[in-house]
Structures are given as C-alpha cells and as structure tokens.
Amino acid sequence: MSERPRVYLLDVEGTVAPLSLVTEQLFPYARKHLEPFLRAQVREPWIDPELAADLALLSQENAVEDRTAETPMLPCPAEDESWESNVPEAAAYLHWLMDRDRKSTALKALQGRVWRDGFESGALVGTLFDDVPRAFERWSEQARVAIYSSGSVEAQRLLFQYSSAGDLTPYIAAHFDTRVGPKRSASSYLHIAEAMAVMPQEILFFSDVVAELDAAREAGCATRLVVRPGNASVAPHTHPVILGLDGE
C-alpha cells in the first residue's frame, strides 16, 4: 500500500504467537481444567450470568449439530434447574469441539475463562515472537493496533497482558473475535473497519492463513502473509509475504 495504514490488524496463532503456544500450552490446559472449572462455577445458589449465557449458547450450538456425526448431546436446563447435573455432558461436548478444532464462539469464551485462571496464577505465559513488542510500539506511535482472532476477546487480552514480553495491552486499541463474524468472510473485515471508524483500504491485515487474507482483501484491506517457523505450508496465492514484522 502506498500510504501508511491507520489500523494494523493482526491474527494471533502463527502470526504473533507460535503455533506451539496453542497446541502445547493453551489447549492442553483447557482440556485438563474445563470440567473442574465448570463444576466449581455452576454450584448453587448462584451462577455468573455471563457464564450462564456462554453455556446456553453452547447448548444452542449443540442443538443444531449433525447427529450423524455422533455429537455428544447437551440439553439446556430449564430456567428453574441448575447446570450442575449437565457438567459431564458440557465437558464432553467441549472436548469434542476441541478435537475437531471447531471455531465455536461458546467454546472460545469458556476456554478464555479457564485460561484466565492459568495466566493469573502464572501457570500460563503468552509466548510471542520477539519482533511483536517492537512492532506494536512502533506502529502505535502513528496508527492503531488491533487483534482479530478466533480466540475470545478475553483470551486475547490475557495473552497480551501476561505475555513473554510483559504487558502489551497499552499498545492495543481493539480486540475482535468470531462474534464480529467468521475470519474467512469479507463482511467481518467490513464490520471491523466500521468499528474502527476507518475505510477498509486503511487496514493492513496480517495472518498466516491464505483464506483469511483472501477475505480481507475482498473487503478492500491490504494484506501480508506471515511465514513463521513451524507454520504449515500454504497453497499458491498472490499476497505479499513477510518473515517477520520488523520491516513493516
């Protein structure tokens, strides 16, 4: 792009953080702690309304699953009933979603709640590539930095607050997750542009996934394919390729 962008929009996994952060740290931690977390949080007589909403959304997602795929059943309790007796079913469905790397909004929200405990206790650290803090500091002097990930907004904030480079949240102007729309849909990037009060052409989007970059470019955004150690190979494409963020 000929002019500097007004918004630097970045994916997380494979772009600012190594794939191993998710596969070797975050996912195993969530798998181990999801059921104990739910058992502790849904006990009567009170349940956090936001957690109840996440569980209700999980049940709604479950209700429209293809039953030929042997999906675990997750009925939603009646208003006067507790979620406590449904925890095993909820955990089974969450593990089923994780096994298939499904981009479930409810799953991501619940994972974020579990990861919060891990980050705050020091059991988890948001491992980032070394060039990320330098880029954030440089870009935030003359533009805004935003994050768009399939991970929940809460999980994103925790990752950057408790990162290997310290607290980077002061550099980040906005966070977006799948509630704004799928990452492979052009309309999602239009929604982000509207939320950031810029034209799509004023956004530069970084990702390691060609389909996401295709959608962003269709919306009018500039793009960069980020190639990092450990990333999967990609199909032929026409996006500019970078090996890091220092030259941007």
Protein backbone atom coordinates (compact mmCIF):
# COMPACT_ATOMS: atom_id res chain seq x y z
CA MET A 1 0.00 0.00 0.00
CA SER A 2 1.28 3.47 -0.87
CA GLU A 3 0.31 5.20 2.40
CA ARG A 4 0.84 4.00 5.93
CA PRO A 5 -2.20 2.14 7.30
CA ARG A 6 -4.32 3.67 10.01
CA VAL A 7 -5.00 0.25 11.55
CA TYR A 8 -2.62 -2.70 11.84
CA LEU A 9 -4.89 -5.73 12.27
CA LEU A 10 -3.27 -8.99 13.34
CA ASP A 11 -4.17 -12.63 13.71
CA VAL A 12 -2.64 -14.37 16.75
CA GLU A 13 -1.77 -18.04 16.22
CA GLY A 14 1.04 -18.41 13.68
CA THR A 15 1.31 -14.64 13.24
CA VAL A 16 2.32 -13.02 16.55
CA ALA A 17 2.49 -16.24 18.58
CA PRO A 18 3.94 -19.63 17.62
CA LEU A 19 1.52 -22.45 16.88
CA SER A 20 3.02 -24.32 19.83
CA LEU A 21 1.50 -21.78 22.25
CA VAL A 22 -1.92 -23.14 21.40
CA THR A 23 -1.15 -26.80 20.73
CA GLU A 24 1.31 -27.36 23.59
CA GLN A 25 0.10 -24.92 26.26
CA LEU A 26 -3.37 -23.43 25.90
CA PHE A 27 -5.35 -26.38 24.53
CA PRO A 28 -3.89 -28.98 26.95
CA TYR A 29 -4.51 -26.62 29.88
CA ALA A 30 -8.12 -26.06 28.82
CA ARG A 31 -8.72 -29.78 28.25
CA LYS A 32 -7.47 -30.59 31.75
CA HIS A 33 -9.28 -27.80 33.58
CA LEU A 34 -12.60 -27.22 31.76
CA GLU A 35 -14.65 -29.78 33.68
CA PRO A 36 -13.25 -28.90 37.16
CA PHE A 37 -13.78 -25.21 36.34
CA LEU A 38 -17.40 -25.78 35.38
CA ARG A 39 -18.08 -27.92 38.45
CA ALA A 40 -16.74 -25.16 40.70
CA GLN A 41 -18.56 -22.33 38.91
CA VAL A 42 -22.08 -23.70 38.42
CA ARG A 43 -22.79 -24.72 42.01
CA GLU A 44 -25.99 -23.39 43.51
CA PRO A 45 -27.27 -21.00 44.65
CA TRP A 46 -25.61 -18.58 42.20
CA ILE A 47 -24.05 -18.70 38.75
CA ASP A 48 -22.39 -15.82 36.95
CA PRO A 49 -24.88 -14.52 34.34
CA GLU A 50 -22.20 -14.29 31.64
CA LEU A 51 -21.13 -17.89 32.29
CA ALA A 52 -24.77 -18.95 32.13
CA ALA A 53 -25.09 -17.15 28.79
CA ASP A 54 -21.99 -18.92 27.45
CA LEU A 55 -23.38 -22.30 28.49
CA ALA A 56 -26.76 -21.51 26.95
CA LEU A 57 -25.01 -20.59 23.69
CA LEU A 58 -23.05 -23.85 23.86
CA SER A 59 -26.32 -25.75 24.18
CA GLN A 60 -27.80 -23.82 21.25
CA GLU A 61 -24.79 -24.69 19.09
CA ASN A 62 -25.13 -28.32 20.13
CA ALA A 63 -28.81 -28.39 19.19
CA VAL A 64 -28.06 -27.69 15.52
CA GLU A 65 -25.20 -30.19 15.19
CA ASP A 66 -25.44 -33.02 12.68
CA ARG A 67 -26.43 -36.01 14.81
CA THR A 68 -24.91 -38.42 12.30
CA ALA A 69 -21.50 -37.23 13.47
CA GLU A 70 -22.01 -38.86 16.92
CA THR A 71 -22.06 -35.46 18.60
CA PRO A 72 -22.46 -35.56 22.41
CA MET A 73 -25.90 -34.33 23.45
CA LEU A 74 -26.10 -31.21 25.62
CA PRO A 75 -29.61 -30.29 26.73
CA CYS A 76 -30.13 -26.86 28.24
CA PRO A 77 -31.62 -26.98 31.76
CA ALA A 78 -34.97 -25.32 32.38
CA GLU A 79 -34.92 -21.89 33.99
CA ASP A 80 -35.54 -23.32 37.46
CA GLU A 81 -32.87 -26.03 37.09
CA SER A 82 -29.13 -25.98 37.69
CA TRP A 83 -26.38 -26.59 35.14
CA GLU A 84 -24.60 -28.72 37.75
CA SER A 85 -26.01 -32.05 36.59
CA ASN A 86 -25.13 -31.21 32.97
CA VAL A 87 -21.43 -30.58 33.54
CA PRO A 88 -20.26 -34.01 32.26
CA GLU A 89 -22.22 -33.52 29.03
CA ALA A 90 -20.92 -29.97 28.63
CA ALA A 91 -17.32 -31.14 29.16
CA ALA A 92 -17.76 -34.00 26.69
CA TYR A 93 -19.09 -31.64 24.02
CA LEU A 94 -16.33 -29.09 24.66
CA HIS A 95 -13.67 -31.79 24.26
CA TRP A 96 -15.43 -33.00 21.08
CA LEU A 97 -15.25 -29.45 19.66
CA MET A 98 -11.58 -29.12 20.60
CA ASP A 99 -10.74 -32.45 18.97
CA ARG A 100 -12.12 -31.05 15.71
CA ASP A 101 -10.61 -27.56 16.11
CA ARG A 102 -14.07 -26.07 15.75
CA LYS A 103 -14.32 -22.27 15.85
CA SER A 104 -17.21 -22.34 18.30
CA THR A 105 -17.91 -18.97 19.89
CA ALA A 106 -19.14 -20.62 23.10
CA LEU A 107 -16.10 -22.90 23.29
CA LYS A 108 -13.72 -19.96 22.85
CA ALA A 109 -15.50 -17.97 25.55
CA LEU A 110 -15.34 -20.85 28.04
CA GLN A 111 -11.70 -21.57 27.20
CA GLY A 112 -10.94 -17.91 27.89
CA ARG A 113 -12.46 -18.20 31.35
CA VAL A 114 -10.30 -21.23 32.15
CA TRP A 115 -7.16 -19.62 30.74
CA ARG A 116 -7.72 -16.56 32.92
CA ASP A 117 -7.05 -18.70 35.98
CA GLY A 118 -3.93 -20.12 34.30
CA PHE A 119 -2.50 -16.74 33.31
CA GLU A 120 -3.26 -15.09 36.64
CA SER A 121 -1.65 -17.98 38.55
CA GLY A 122 1.45 -17.96 36.36
CA ALA A 123 0.79 -21.45 35.00
CA LEU A 124 0.43 -19.95 31.51
CA VAL A 125 2.54 -17.33 29.72
CA GLY A 126 1.65 -15.72 26.40
CA THR A 127 4.67 -16.67 24.30
CA LEU A 128 5.15 -14.15 21.46
CA PHE A 129 7.69 -13.76 18.69
CA ASP A 130 10.49 -11.32 19.56
CA ASP A 131 9.53 -8.78 16.90
CA VAL A 132 5.98 -8.30 18.21
CA PRO A 133 6.65 -5.79 21.04
CA ARG A 134 8.93 -3.75 18.77
CA ALA A 135 6.27 -3.61 16.06
CA PHE A 136 3.47 -2.72 18.47
CA GLU A 137 5.49 0.12 19.98
CA ARG A 138 6.47 1.45 16.54
CA TRP A 139 3.01 1.20 14.97
CA SER A 140 1.12 2.67 17.91
CA GLU A 141 3.05 5.92 17.55
CA GLN A 142 1.30 6.78 14.28
CA ALA A 143 -1.61 4.33 13.92
CA ARG A 144 -3.68 1.84 15.91
CA VAL A 145 -3.06 -1.84 16.56
CA ALA A 146 -5.98 -4.28 16.68
CA ILE A 147 -6.25 -8.04 17.13
CA TYR A 148 -8.65 -10.38 15.28
CA SER A 149 -8.56 -13.99 16.41
CA SER A 150 -10.88 -16.95 16.71
CA GLY A 151 -9.91 -16.96 20.39
CA SER A 152 -12.25 -14.93 22.59
CA VAL A 153 -11.57 -11.27 23.30
CA GLU A 154 -10.92 -12.16 26.94
CA ALA A 155 -8.36 -14.81 25.95
CA GLN A 156 -6.64 -12.32 23.65
CA ARG A 157 -6.37 -9.72 26.39
CA LEU A 158 -4.93 -12.26 28.82
CA LEU A 159 -2.35 -13.44 26.30
CA PHE A 160 -1.04 -9.91 25.74
CA GLN A 161 -1.32 -8.85 29.37
CA TYR A 162 0.67 -11.85 30.57
CA SER A 163 2.96 -12.12 27.55
CA SER A 164 6.58 -13.20 27.43
CA ALA A 165 7.40 -9.55 26.64
CA GLY A 166 5.40 -8.13 29.54
CA ASP A 167 2.08 -6.31 29.43
CA LEU A 168 1.46 -5.19 25.82
CA THR A 169 -2.20 -4.24 26.26
CA PRO A 170 -1.47 -0.46 26.30
CA TYR A 171 -0.46 -0.75 22.63
CA ILE A 172 -3.67 -2.49 21.52
CA ALA A 173 -6.64 -0.30 20.62
CA ALA A 174 -9.23 -3.02 19.94
CA HIS A 175 -9.87 -6.76 20.01
CA PHE A 176 -12.20 -8.74 17.75
CA ASP A 177 -13.26 -12.40 17.83
CA THR A 178 -15.76 -14.53 15.94
CA ARG A 179 -18.65 -12.51 17.35
CA VAL A 180 -17.81 -9.97 14.63
CA GLY A 181 -18.06 -12.76 12.05
CA PRO A 182 -16.02 -15.65 10.59
CA LYS A 183 -12.42 -14.84 9.72
CA ARG A 184 -12.89 -16.23 6.21
CA SER A 185 -15.81 -13.89 5.43
CA ALA A 186 -15.24 -10.50 3.80
CA SER A 187 -18.13 -8.99 5.74
CA SER A 188 -16.22 -9.50 9.01
CA TYR A 189 -13.49 -7.12 7.88
CA LEU A 190 -16.09 -4.57 6.82
CA HIS A 191 -17.56 -4.75 10.32
CA ILE A 192 -14.11 -4.26 11.82
CA ALA A 193 -13.46 -1.24 9.59
CA GLU A 194 -16.77 0.25 10.70
CA ALA A 195 -15.97 -0.40 14.36
CA MET A 196 -12.55 1.23 13.96
CA ALA A 197 -14.08 4.19 12.02
CA VAL A 198 -11.76 3.72 9.03
CA MET A 199 -12.09 2.65 5.41
CA PRO A 200 -11.17 -0.99 4.72
CA GLN A 201 -8.36 0.30 2.48
CA GLU A 202 -6.79 1.87 5.59
CA ILE A 203 -6.39 -1.52 7.30
CA LEU A 204 -3.34 -3.76 6.91
CA PHE A 205 -4.16 -7.32 7.94
CA PHE A 206 -1.51 -9.89 8.92
CA SER A 207 -2.23 -13.62 9.01
CA ASP A 208 -0.67 -16.99 8.25
CA VAL A 209 -3.90 -18.29 6.64
CA VAL A 210 -4.44 -17.54 2.95
CA ALA A 211 -8.25 -17.91 3.15
CA GLU A 212 -8.39 -15.21 5.82
CA LEU A 213 -6.21 -12.91 3.74
CA ASP A 214 -8.38 -13.55 0.69
CA ALA A 215 -11.46 -12.46 2.66
CA ALA A 216 -9.74 -9.34 3.99
CA ARG A 217 -8.56 -8.37 0.51
CA GLU A 218 -12.06 -8.92 -0.88
CA ALA A 219 -13.26 -6.40 1.70
CA GLY A 220 -10.63 -3.92 0.49
CA CYS A 221 -7.91 -4.38 3.13
CA ALA A 222 -4.20 -4.60 2.39
CA THR A 223 -2.68 -7.94 3.40
CA ARG A 224 0.53 -9.67 4.46
CA LEU A 225 1.09 -13.42 4.64
CA VAL A 226 3.27 -14.03 7.69
CA VAL A 227 5.60 -17.02 7.44
CA ARG A 228 6.87 -18.15 10.83
CA PRO A 229 8.87 -21.19 11.99
CA GLY A 230 6.53 -24.13 12.48
CA ASN A 231 3.73 -22.76 10.29
CA ALA A 232 2.08 -25.03 7.75
CA SER A 233 2.88 -24.67 4.06
CA VAL A 234 0.36 -22.68 2.04
CA ALA A 235 -1.26 -23.06 -1.35
CA PRO A 236 -0.34 -20.70 -4.22
CA HIS A 237 -1.53 -17.15 -3.57
CA THR A 238 -0.82 -13.52 -4.50
CA HIS A 239 -0.40 -11.91 -1.08
CA PRO A 240 2.87 -10.16 -0.13
CA VAL A 241 4.95 -12.50 2.05
CA ILE A 242 6.92 -11.42 5.13
CA LEU A 243 9.09 -13.42 7.51
CA GLY A 244 8.52 -11.06 10.46
CA LEU A 245 7.16 -7.69 11.48
CA ASP A 246 10.33 -5.60 11.67
CA GLY A 247 10.14 -4.39 8.08
CA GLU A 248 6.55 -3.19 8.26
